[in-house]
Amino acid sequence: MLTLRCATHFAAAAVVMFAGAGAYAQTQKSKVPVEAFIVEPMPAGVQVLGTEVDGPVFATAAGRTLYVWPENDQNDQGVRGEREGKPTCTDKVARVTAGFQEPYPPNLVEVDVDTRPSCAALWPPFLADAGAKPVGKWTIVERPDGAKQWAYEGLAAYISALDREPGDVIGSAKLHAGGDSGAHRRPIGPEADVPAQFEVVTLPLGRMLTDIKGFSVYTWDRDGANKSNCDAACQETFAPMLAHASAPKVHGDWGVIERSPGVFQWTYRKKPLYSMLGEEQRGAFHGSDIPGWHNVFTQPAPAFPKGFAVQDAPGGQVLANAEGRTVYIYTCVDDTLDQQICDHPALNQKYRLAICGGGDAARCVKQFPYVTASASERSASRIWQIKTIDTSTGKYVAENAPNATRVWTYRDRPLYYFFKDTNPGDTYGDSWGENNGWINGFHAFFTREEFRKQYLDTSGSGRR
């Protein structure tokens, strides 16, 4: 059964939906299940919607996902993003580079500067109505023009001009399968409803459960419902996840079993939980390499489209076609004060053309050909879509337009192959671009990246 909880005991709070025991709530607008989350006070007009890869997100009354732009000062060239209480995304067009990205100096004129949109055009601020009052983690900050804008945990909230339907998270530049440079906008949402010993992190395979330190949590096929069969030999490899409190709170999908008098083990959806002894990497899948053991997902990502498969490759596992040819994704953040993303077909294509073909579109198509879709193939989900693209411009077009080609996309970004990959598992195009592709470039679509780069997404806050 779906369970409703009303937050009427909070001032100006909204009615939200959450997952009860063993069930997902489902919003009317997004049509995507919502994993269990902790109810918190929200401004009137803010709601929680489910997304296919980012879990529950805050959205406007019209269903537009809300984002923040947290600062990132790990680069020697300067702080990027926004500080708490200090919105900087305005109608002013950034016309020159900021000098954040080595080896480029500041004050170089940006490409197509005369048609470049402003930050606020791509990221309209989520403005507060006259008379609105702070509530919970939501506050009101003043914009440079004097307008009042909602902020979450001190950071100004925005919507994305790229999002079209309720539950879209197209504006997020962090694709969880590509680059991570700059201070990315990220969707905001309520904390996952998990005990304090656990977290939920976002990976290409779904919303994965970990312990508070980020190490993976596992279940075993040989266990029964609310029954552990992990004996002394089993515990040489896997340790039961013990509840710290003498009387742990049981709620929703969460329960405990008593292994011995006064010693309780956590269960999730009636399956006992374990950690893998000696596991050194966070968010890993090592335990699932052992037959019968599985990583735990609060919400699996939509299945890959038919004809795609996971292929072993140097450094982990990658998405590939049926013949084992590696699939790539392109990511880009430009070097300006507002750090606009430049990896979407609706945006400037000159960055991509420079990386894949020295500015030559035909050369780009040869070196990084699109992952095309046949006439009989159909979009598989919200994040796995077939779109029609003009290969000469890189822009989305109507199906009957010149040079129109049906291509597969992930989160509304086209997918590619690399011309030098000849054998299954080849990833010669990985990190192709500036600063190993993290600023502007191509990356193999890694679904499991344990031996190449720590893959755990810790960009969220709290137990998000």
Protein backbone atom coordinates (compact mmCIF):
# COMPACT_ATOMS: atom_id res chain seq x y z
CA MET A 1 0.00 0.00 0.00
CA LEU A 2 1.09 3.56 -0.59
CA THR A 3 1.50 5.54 2.58
CA LEU A 4 0.80 9.26 2.83
CA ARG A 5 2.30 11.51 5.44
CA CYS A 6 1.08 15.09 5.80
CA ALA A 7 3.51 17.74 7.01
CA THR A 8 0.81 20.04 8.31
CA HIS A 9 2.65 20.46 11.60
CA PHE A 10 5.22 22.57 9.76
CA ALA A 11 4.48 26.15 8.82
CA ALA A 12 3.92 26.57 5.09
CA ALA A 13 4.75 22.90 4.55
CA ALA A 14 3.50 20.89 1.60
CA VAL A 15 1.91 17.47 1.42
CA VAL A 16 4.43 14.92 0.12
CA MET A 17 4.45 11.22 -0.61
CA PHE A 18 6.93 8.66 0.57
CA ALA A 19 7.53 4.95 0.25
CA GLY A 20 6.04 2.78 2.92
CA ALA A 21 7.15 -0.72 3.84
CA GLY A 22 8.15 -2.60 0.72
CA ALA A 23 6.49 -0.11 -1.61
CA TYR A 24 7.38 2.90 -3.68
CA ALA A 25 5.31 6.05 -3.74
CA GLN A 26 4.55 7.42 -7.18
CA THR A 27 3.82 11.03 -8.00
CA GLN A 28 1.08 11.97 -10.40
CA LYS A 29 3.29 14.16 -12.58
CA SER A 30 6.65 12.43 -12.89
CA LYS A 31 5.32 8.85 -13.21
CA VAL A 32 8.57 7.62 -11.68
CA PRO A 33 8.71 5.72 -8.35
CA VAL A 34 10.03 7.72 -5.41
CA GLU A 35 12.44 5.95 -3.07
CA ALA A 36 11.78 6.43 0.63
CA PHE A 37 12.89 9.81 1.94
CA ILE A 38 12.78 11.78 5.17
CA VAL A 39 9.89 14.21 5.17
CA GLU A 40 10.94 17.78 5.89
CA PRO A 41 9.21 21.18 5.78
CA MET A 42 9.09 22.83 2.35
CA PRO A 43 7.85 26.14 0.98
CA ALA A 44 4.32 26.16 -0.39
CA GLY A 45 4.49 25.08 -4.03
CA VAL A 46 7.58 22.88 -3.65
CA GLN A 47 7.06 19.16 -4.12
CA VAL A 48 9.12 15.97 -4.21
CA LEU A 49 9.27 14.06 -7.49
CA GLY A 50 10.89 10.77 -8.41
CA THR A 51 13.66 10.59 -11.03
CA GLU A 52 15.14 7.61 -12.79
CA VAL A 53 18.74 8.11 -11.67
CA ASP A 54 18.89 10.87 -9.07
CA GLY A 55 16.32 9.62 -6.61
CA PRO A 56 13.79 12.02 -5.04
CA VAL A 57 14.30 15.67 -6.02
CA PHE A 58 12.67 18.91 -5.01
CA ALA A 59 10.65 20.49 -7.81
CA THR A 60 8.45 23.50 -8.41
CA ALA A 61 4.67 23.25 -8.53
CA ALA A 62 5.01 22.83 -12.31
CA GLY A 63 7.39 19.90 -11.84
CA ARG A 64 10.67 21.65 -12.70
CA THR A 65 13.62 20.08 -10.86
CA LEU A 66 15.50 22.43 -8.53
CA TYR A 67 19.30 22.75 -8.57
CA VAL A 68 22.06 24.44 -6.60
CA TRP A 69 25.58 25.43 -7.66
CA PRO A 70 27.91 24.64 -4.73
CA GLU A 71 31.38 26.16 -4.79
CA ASN A 72 34.44 24.08 -5.54
CA ASP A 73 37.77 25.63 -4.57
CA GLN A 74 39.98 22.61 -5.22
CA ASN A 75 41.50 24.23 -8.29
CA ASP A 76 44.48 26.57 -7.87
CA GLN A 77 42.97 29.05 -10.32
CA GLY A 78 40.10 30.09 -8.07
CA VAL A 79 36.78 29.31 -6.44
CA ARG A 80 34.01 28.18 -8.74
CA GLY A 81 30.30 27.98 -8.04
CA GLU A 82 28.33 29.93 -5.47
CA ARG A 83 28.82 30.55 -1.78
CA GLU A 84 26.00 30.30 0.72
CA GLY A 85 23.72 33.33 0.56
CA LYS A 86 25.54 34.79 -2.46
CA PRO A 87 23.75 34.12 -5.79
CA THR A 88 25.87 35.19 -8.77
CA CYS A 89 23.96 33.73 -11.73
CA THR A 90 22.49 36.81 -13.44
CA ASP A 91 21.35 38.18 -16.80
CA LYS A 92 24.87 39.40 -17.54
CA VAL A 93 26.53 37.46 -20.38
CA ALA A 94 29.99 36.09 -19.54
CA ARG A 95 32.03 37.10 -22.59
CA VAL A 96 35.56 36.06 -21.59
CA THR A 97 37.29 33.11 -19.96
CA ALA A 98 37.90 33.13 -16.22
CA GLY A 99 41.28 31.38 -16.23
CA PHE A 100 40.05 28.48 -14.09
CA GLN A 101 41.28 25.83 -16.50
CA GLU A 102 44.98 25.33 -17.12
CA PRO A 103 46.78 26.18 -19.33
CA TYR A 104 44.41 28.89 -20.56
CA PRO A 105 44.77 32.45 -19.29
CA PRO A 106 41.79 34.61 -18.29
CA ASN A 107 40.10 37.20 -20.54
CA LEU A 108 40.11 35.22 -23.78
CA VAL A 109 36.95 36.02 -25.78
CA GLU A 110 34.43 33.18 -25.57
CA VAL A 111 33.22 31.37 -28.69
CA ASP A 112 30.08 32.77 -30.37
CA VAL A 113 29.96 35.48 -27.75
CA ASP A 114 27.26 37.45 -29.59
CA THR A 115 24.75 34.58 -29.32
CA ARG A 116 25.89 33.24 -25.97
CA PRO A 117 23.03 33.05 -23.43
CA SER A 118 23.33 34.52 -19.97
CA CYS A 119 23.61 32.37 -16.88
CA ALA A 120 20.05 33.25 -15.82
CA ALA A 121 18.72 32.33 -19.27
CA LEU A 122 20.03 28.78 -18.83
CA TRP A 123 19.40 28.70 -15.08
CA PRO A 124 16.33 30.79 -14.22
CA PRO A 125 16.30 31.57 -10.49
CA PHE A 126 13.58 30.05 -8.33
CA LEU A 127 12.08 33.27 -7.00
CA ALA A 128 10.18 33.63 -3.76
CA ASP A 129 6.72 35.17 -3.73
CA ALA A 130 6.14 38.41 -1.87
CA GLY A 131 5.54 37.65 1.77
CA ALA A 132 7.22 34.22 1.64
CA LYS A 133 8.92 33.14 4.87
CA PRO A 134 11.85 30.78 5.48
CA VAL A 135 10.86 27.25 6.42
CA GLY A 136 13.09 24.37 7.53
CA LYS A 137 16.28 24.26 5.45
CA TRP A 138 14.76 26.74 3.00
CA THR A 139 15.76 30.38 3.32
CA ILE A 140 15.38 33.47 1.15
CA VAL A 141 18.41 35.28 -0.28
CA GLU A 142 18.67 38.56 -2.13
CA ARG A 143 19.84 38.55 -5.73
CA PRO A 144 22.17 41.24 -7.16
CA ASP A 145 19.11 42.93 -8.74
CA GLY A 146 17.28 42.97 -5.42
CA ALA A 147 14.86 40.12 -6.22
CA LYS A 148 14.23 37.47 -3.57
CA GLN A 149 15.28 33.91 -4.37
CA TRP A 150 14.72 30.65 -2.52
CA ALA A 151 17.84 28.93 -1.19
CA TYR A 152 18.30 25.43 0.20
CA GLU A 153 20.86 24.98 2.96
CA GLY A 154 22.05 28.48 2.08
CA LEU A 155 22.60 27.87 -1.65
CA ALA A 156 20.42 29.69 -4.18
CA ALA A 157 17.98 27.41 -6.03
CA TYR A 158 17.52 27.38 -9.82
CA ILE A 159 15.67 25.50 -12.52
CA SER A 160 17.21 24.37 -15.82
CA ALA A 161 16.14 25.64 -19.22
CA LEU A 162 16.97 22.16 -20.59
CA ASP A 163 14.40 20.32 -18.46
CA ARG A 164 11.09 19.88 -20.26
CA GLU A 165 8.91 17.47 -18.29
CA PRO A 166 8.33 16.79 -14.59
CA GLY A 167 11.09 14.53 -13.33
CA ASP A 168 13.67 15.66 -15.92
CA VAL A 169 17.20 16.22 -14.60
CA ILE A 170 18.79 17.15 -17.92
CA GLY A 171 20.41 20.25 -16.47
CA SER A 172 22.84 18.24 -14.36
CA ALA A 173 26.30 18.35 -15.89
CA LYS A 174 27.49 15.49 -13.72
CA LEU A 175 26.38 12.45 -15.67
CA HIS A 176 27.80 9.83 -13.28
CA ALA A 177 29.58 8.26 -16.23
CA GLY A 178 31.87 11.00 -17.43
CA GLY A 179 33.81 14.07 -16.44
CA ASP A 180 33.79 15.79 -13.10
CA SER A 181 35.49 19.14 -13.58
CA GLY A 182 34.39 22.50 -12.35
CA ALA A 183 31.63 23.33 -9.92
CA HIS A 184 28.63 21.46 -11.28
CA ARG A 185 25.02 22.30 -10.73
CA ARG A 186 23.36 19.43 -8.95
CA PRO A 187 19.74 18.58 -8.21
CA ILE A 188 18.61 18.90 -4.62
CA GLY A 189 16.28 16.63 -2.75
CA PRO A 190 15.38 15.28 0.67
CA GLU A 191 17.62 12.90 2.56
CA ALA A 192 17.17 9.20 1.91
CA ASP A 193 15.15 7.47 4.64
CA VAL A 194 17.89 5.13 5.86
CA PRO A 195 19.29 4.50 9.35
CA ALA A 196 22.19 6.68 10.45
CA GLN A 197 24.70 3.90 9.66
CA PHE A 198 23.90 4.03 5.94
CA GLU A 199 23.95 6.30 2.90
CA VAL A 200 22.53 6.15 -0.63
CA VAL A 201 24.79 7.11 -3.54
CA THR A 202 24.06 7.57 -7.23
CA LEU A 203 25.78 5.30 -9.77
CA PRO A 204 24.96 4.40 -13.40
CA LEU A 205 23.37 1.17 -12.15
CA GLY A 206 21.08 2.95 -9.70
CA ARG A 207 20.80 4.36 -6.21
CA MET A 208 23.12 2.10 -4.23
CA LEU A 209 23.17 1.51 -0.49
CA THR A 210 26.49 1.90 1.35
CA ASP A 211 27.59 2.27 4.94
CA ILE A 212 28.26 5.71 6.39
CA LYS A 213 31.88 5.55 5.17
CA GLY A 214 30.80 4.76 1.62
CA PHE A 215 31.64 1.05 1.55
CA SER A 216 29.24 -1.29 -0.22
CA VAL A 217 26.52 -3.30 1.48
CA TYR A 218 25.62 -6.81 0.30
CA THR A 219 22.91 -9.46 0.52
CA TRP A 220 23.19 -13.25 0.09
CA ASP A 221 20.91 -15.55 -1.88
CA ARG A 222 21.21 -18.31 0.72
CA ASP A 223 19.61 -16.19 3.43
CA GLY A 224 15.90 -16.48 4.03
CA ALA A 225 13.37 -13.76 4.71
CA ASN A 226 14.57 -12.13 7.95
CA LYS A 227 16.92 -15.07 8.50
CA SER A 228 20.73 -15.16 8.23
CA ASN A 229 22.47 -18.38 7.20
CA CYS A 230 25.93 -16.81 7.18
CA ASP A 231 27.95 -19.16 9.42
CA ALA A 232 31.54 -18.92 10.68
CA ALA A 233 32.99 -19.86 7.30
CA CYS A 234 30.82 -17.26 5.54
CA GLN A 235 31.90 -14.63 8.06
CA GLU A 236 35.53 -15.05 7.07
CA THR A 237 34.58 -12.95 4.02
CA PHE A 238 31.41 -11.07 4.97
CA ALA A 239 30.55 -9.39 8.26
CA PRO A 240 26.94 -8.88 9.40
CA MET A 241 25.93 -5.20 9.49
CA LEU A 242 25.12 -4.84 13.17
CA ALA A 243 22.76 -2.22 14.52
CA HIS A 244 24.58 -0.01 17.02
CA ALA A 245 21.59 0.71 19.24
CA SER A 246 20.28 -1.89 21.66
CA ALA A 247 16.77 -1.25 20.35
CA PRO A 248 17.17 -0.04 16.73
CA LYS A 249 14.26 1.72 15.09
CA VAL A 250 12.40 -0.57 12.69
CA HIS A 251 10.43 1.23 9.97
CA GLY A 252 9.47 0.97 6.34
CA ASP A 253 11.77 -1.45 4.49
CA TRP A 254 14.14 -1.57 7.47
CA GLY A 255 14.17 -4.27 10.12
CA VAL A 256 16.51 -6.23 12.36
CA ILE A 257 17.10 -9.83 13.29
CA GLU A 258 18.65 -10.95 16.56
CA ARG A 259 21.81 -12.96 15.83
CA SER A 260 22.43 -13.61 19.51
CA PRO A 261 20.93 -12.19 22.68
CA GLY A 262 21.12 -8.40 22.38
CA VAL A 263 23.04 -8.46 19.06
CA PHE A 264 20.94 -7.18 16.15
CA GLN A 265 21.66 -7.29 12.40
CA TRP A 266 20.07 -4.88 9.94
CA THR A 267 17.75 -6.15 7.23
CA TYR A 268 16.52 -4.30 4.17
CA ARG A 269 13.37 -5.54 2.47
CA LYS A 270 13.70 -8.63 4.70
CA LYS A 271 17.24 -9.44 3.47
CA PRO A 272 20.05 -9.43 6.07
CA LEU A 273 22.83 -6.94 5.26
CA TYR A 274 26.59 -7.50 5.25
CA SER A 275 29.85 -5.70 4.53
CA MET A 276 32.83 -7.33 2.81
CA LEU A 277 35.88 -7.75 5.03
CA GLY A 278 39.01 -6.05 3.73
CA GLU A 279 37.24 -4.10 0.98
CA GLU A 280 39.37 -1.00 0.43
CA GLN A 281 37.45 0.91 -2.22
CA ARG A 282 34.23 2.78 -1.60
CA GLY A 283 31.20 2.02 -3.74
CA ALA A 284 32.80 -1.17 -5.06
CA PHE A 285 31.26 -4.34 -6.53
CA HIS A 286 33.89 -6.81 -5.34
CA GLY A 287 31.47 -8.73 -3.15
CA SER A 288 29.05 -9.24 -6.03
CA ASP A 289 31.80 -11.09 -7.93
CA ILE A 290 31.25 -13.95 -5.49
CA PRO A 291 28.32 -16.13 -6.65
CA GLY A 292 25.16 -15.51 -4.67
CA TRP A 293 26.18 -12.10 -3.31
CA HIS A 294 24.72 -8.80 -4.50
CA ASN A 295 25.09 -5.07 -4.00
CA VAL A 296 21.94 -3.44 -2.63
CA PHE A 297 19.98 -0.79 -4.53
CA THR A 298 17.18 1.29 -3.09
CA GLN A 299 16.18 2.15 -6.67
CA PRO A 300 17.78 0.40 -9.67
CA ALA A 301 18.39 2.53 -12.74
CA PRO A 302 16.34 1.71 -15.86
CA ALA A 303 17.69 -1.23 -17.80
CA PHE A 304 20.06 -0.59 -20.68
CA PRO A 305 18.33 -0.64 -24.07
CA LYS A 306 18.17 -3.94 -25.95
CA GLY A 307 21.33 -4.46 -27.94
CA PHE A 308 23.56 -2.91 -25.26
CA ALA A 309 25.72 -5.01 -22.95
CA VAL A 310 28.34 -4.63 -20.24
CA GLN A 311 31.85 -5.46 -21.44
CA ASP A 312 35.05 -6.07 -19.45
CA ALA A 313 37.67 -3.43 -20.17
CA PRO A 314 40.95 -2.21 -18.68
CA GLY A 315 40.03 -0.52 -15.42
CA GLY A 316 36.55 -1.96 -14.98
CA GLN A 317 33.47 -2.60 -17.09
CA VAL A 318 32.01 -0.43 -19.84
CA LEU A 319 28.78 -0.17 -21.75
CA ALA A 320 29.10 -1.63 -25.25
CA ASN A 321 27.02 -2.69 -28.21
CA ALA A 322 26.19 -6.32 -28.97
CA GLU A 323 29.58 -6.79 -30.67
CA GLY A 324 31.47 -5.45 -27.65
CA ARG A 325 32.28 -2.03 -29.11
CA THR A 326 32.70 0.48 -26.28
CA VAL A 327 30.19 3.30 -25.91
CA TYR A 328 31.37 6.84 -25.03
CA ILE A 329 29.78 9.98 -23.66
CA TYR A 330 30.92 13.58 -24.09
CA THR A 331 31.08 16.08 -21.22
CA CYS A 332 32.02 19.74 -21.21
CA VAL A 333 32.08 22.72 -18.84
CA ASP A 334 33.36 26.01 -20.26
CA ASP A 335 35.94 28.27 -18.61
CA THR A 336 33.79 31.26 -17.63
CA LEU A 337 32.62 32.70 -14.35
CA ASP A 338 29.19 31.09 -14.84
CA GLN A 339 30.69 27.78 -16.04
CA GLN A 340 28.08 26.83 -18.57
CA ILE A 341 27.77 23.24 -19.64
CA CYS A 342 28.59 22.69 -23.31
CA ASP A 343 27.79 19.02 -23.84
CA HIS A 344 24.13 19.22 -24.85
CA PRO A 345 22.97 19.46 -28.52
CA ALA A 346 20.91 22.55 -27.69
CA LEU A 347 24.11 24.37 -26.72
CA ASN A 348 27.28 25.48 -28.51
CA GLN A 349 28.92 22.62 -30.44
CA LYS A 350 32.27 24.28 -31.12
CA TYR A 351 33.89 22.85 -28.01
CA ARG A 352 33.02 19.30 -29.05
CA LEU A 353 33.99 19.86 -32.69
CA ALA A 354 37.37 21.19 -31.61
CA ILE A 355 38.08 18.08 -29.52
CA CYS A 356 36.79 15.37 -31.84
CA GLY A 357 37.78 16.80 -35.21
CA GLY A 358 39.77 20.02 -34.96
CA GLY A 359 36.61 21.96 -35.84
CA ASP A 360 35.72 19.71 -38.79
CA ALA A 361 32.26 18.12 -38.35
CA ALA A 362 32.93 15.40 -40.93
CA ARG A 363 36.15 14.43 -39.18
CA CYS A 364 34.28 14.34 -35.87
CA VAL A 365 31.72 11.90 -37.22
CA LYS A 366 34.56 9.72 -38.52
CA GLN A 367 36.56 9.69 -35.30
CA PHE A 368 33.66 9.62 -32.84
CA PRO A 369 30.70 8.22 -34.81
CA TYR A 370 27.29 8.35 -33.18
CA VAL A 371 25.69 5.24 -31.71
CA THR A 372 22.87 5.01 -34.22
CA ALA A 373 19.46 3.42 -33.72
CA SER A 374 17.60 1.41 -36.33
CA ALA A 375 14.15 2.37 -37.54
CA SER A 376 12.63 -0.45 -35.49
CA GLU A 377 14.27 0.53 -32.18
CA ARG A 378 12.35 2.59 -29.64
CA SER A 379 13.30 4.71 -26.66
CA ALA A 380 13.64 2.56 -23.56
CA SER A 381 13.07 4.98 -20.67
CA ARG A 382 13.39 8.63 -19.65
CA ILE A 383 17.20 8.48 -19.62
CA TRP A 384 17.64 6.10 -22.59
CA GLN A 385 16.10 7.89 -25.55
CA ILE A 386 16.39 7.85 -29.33
CA LYS A 387 16.71 11.34 -30.80
CA THR A 388 17.21 12.65 -34.35
CA ILE A 389 20.39 14.63 -34.86
CA ASP A 390 21.93 16.55 -37.74
CA THR A 391 25.38 15.01 -37.96
CA SER A 392 26.76 18.09 -39.71
CA THR A 393 25.83 20.42 -36.82
CA GLY A 394 25.40 18.18 -33.79
CA LYS A 395 21.96 19.69 -33.15
CA TYR A 396 18.68 17.87 -32.64
CA VAL A 397 16.38 18.19 -35.69
CA ALA A 398 13.12 16.84 -37.07
CA GLU A 399 13.16 13.30 -38.44
CA ASN A 400 12.77 14.46 -42.04
CA ALA A 401 15.51 17.12 -41.87
CA PRO A 402 18.66 16.89 -44.06
CA ASN A 403 21.47 14.79 -42.55
CA ALA A 404 19.04 13.56 -39.89
CA THR A 405 20.22 10.43 -38.09
CA ARG A 406 18.54 8.47 -35.29
CA VAL A 407 20.96 8.19 -32.36
CA TRP A 408 20.87 6.81 -28.85
CA THR A 409 21.16 9.30 -26.01
CA TYR A 410 21.79 9.10 -22.27
CA ARG A 411 20.27 11.87 -20.18
CA ASP A 412 19.59 13.71 -23.44
CA ARG A 413 23.24 13.58 -24.55
CA PRO A 414 24.24 11.57 -27.66
CA LEU A 415 26.36 8.44 -27.32
CA TYR A 416 29.42 7.72 -29.46
CA TYR A 417 31.94 5.08 -30.53
CA PHE A 418 35.68 5.64 -31.14
CA PHE A 419 37.22 4.84 -34.49
CA LYS A 420 40.38 3.21 -33.06
CA ASP A 421 38.51 0.65 -30.98
CA THR A 422 38.67 -2.61 -32.92
CA ASN A 423 38.32 -5.32 -30.26
CA PRO A 424 35.79 -5.86 -27.46
CA GLY A 425 36.93 -3.97 -24.38
CA ASP A 426 39.07 -1.44 -26.25
CA THR A 427 38.81 2.03 -24.69
CA TYR A 428 41.35 4.01 -26.73
CA GLY A 429 39.03 7.02 -26.82
CA ASP A 430 38.71 7.23 -23.05
CA SER A 431 39.88 10.57 -21.57
CA TRP A 432 40.17 12.06 -25.07
CA GLY A 433 40.18 15.82 -24.60
CA GLU A 434 41.43 18.63 -22.40
CA ASN A 435 42.91 17.65 -19.02
CA ASN A 436 42.29 13.98 -19.79
CA GLY A 437 38.81 14.88 -20.95
CA TRP A 438 37.59 16.10 -17.57
CA ILE A 439 37.10 19.67 -18.81
CA ASN A 440 36.04 19.02 -22.39
CA GLY A 441 36.21 15.53 -23.80
CA PHE A 442 35.05 11.95 -24.23
CA HIS A 443 34.95 9.13 -21.72
CA ALA A 444 34.09 5.48 -21.99
CA PHE A 445 30.72 4.84 -20.35
CA PHE A 446 32.01 2.98 -17.32
CA THR A 447 29.41 1.05 -15.36
CA ARG A 448 32.07 -0.27 -13.00
CA GLU A 449 35.27 1.67 -12.60
CA GLU A 450 36.93 0.14 -9.58
CA PHE A 451 40.45 -0.19 -10.88
CA ARG A 452 40.66 3.11 -12.71
CA LYS A 453 39.15 5.95 -10.65
CA GLN A 454 37.14 6.09 -7.47
CA TYR A 455 33.60 6.13 -8.78
CA LEU A 456 31.52 6.89 -5.75
CA ASP A 457 29.40 10.02 -6.18
CA THR A 458 29.58 11.95 -2.93
CA SER A 459 28.36 15.23 -4.37
CA GLY A 460 25.16 15.15 -2.35
CA SER A 461 24.72 16.36 1.19
CA GLY A 462 23.93 14.39 4.33
CA ARG A 463 22.45 10.99 3.63
CA ARG A 464 21.29 12.11 0.20
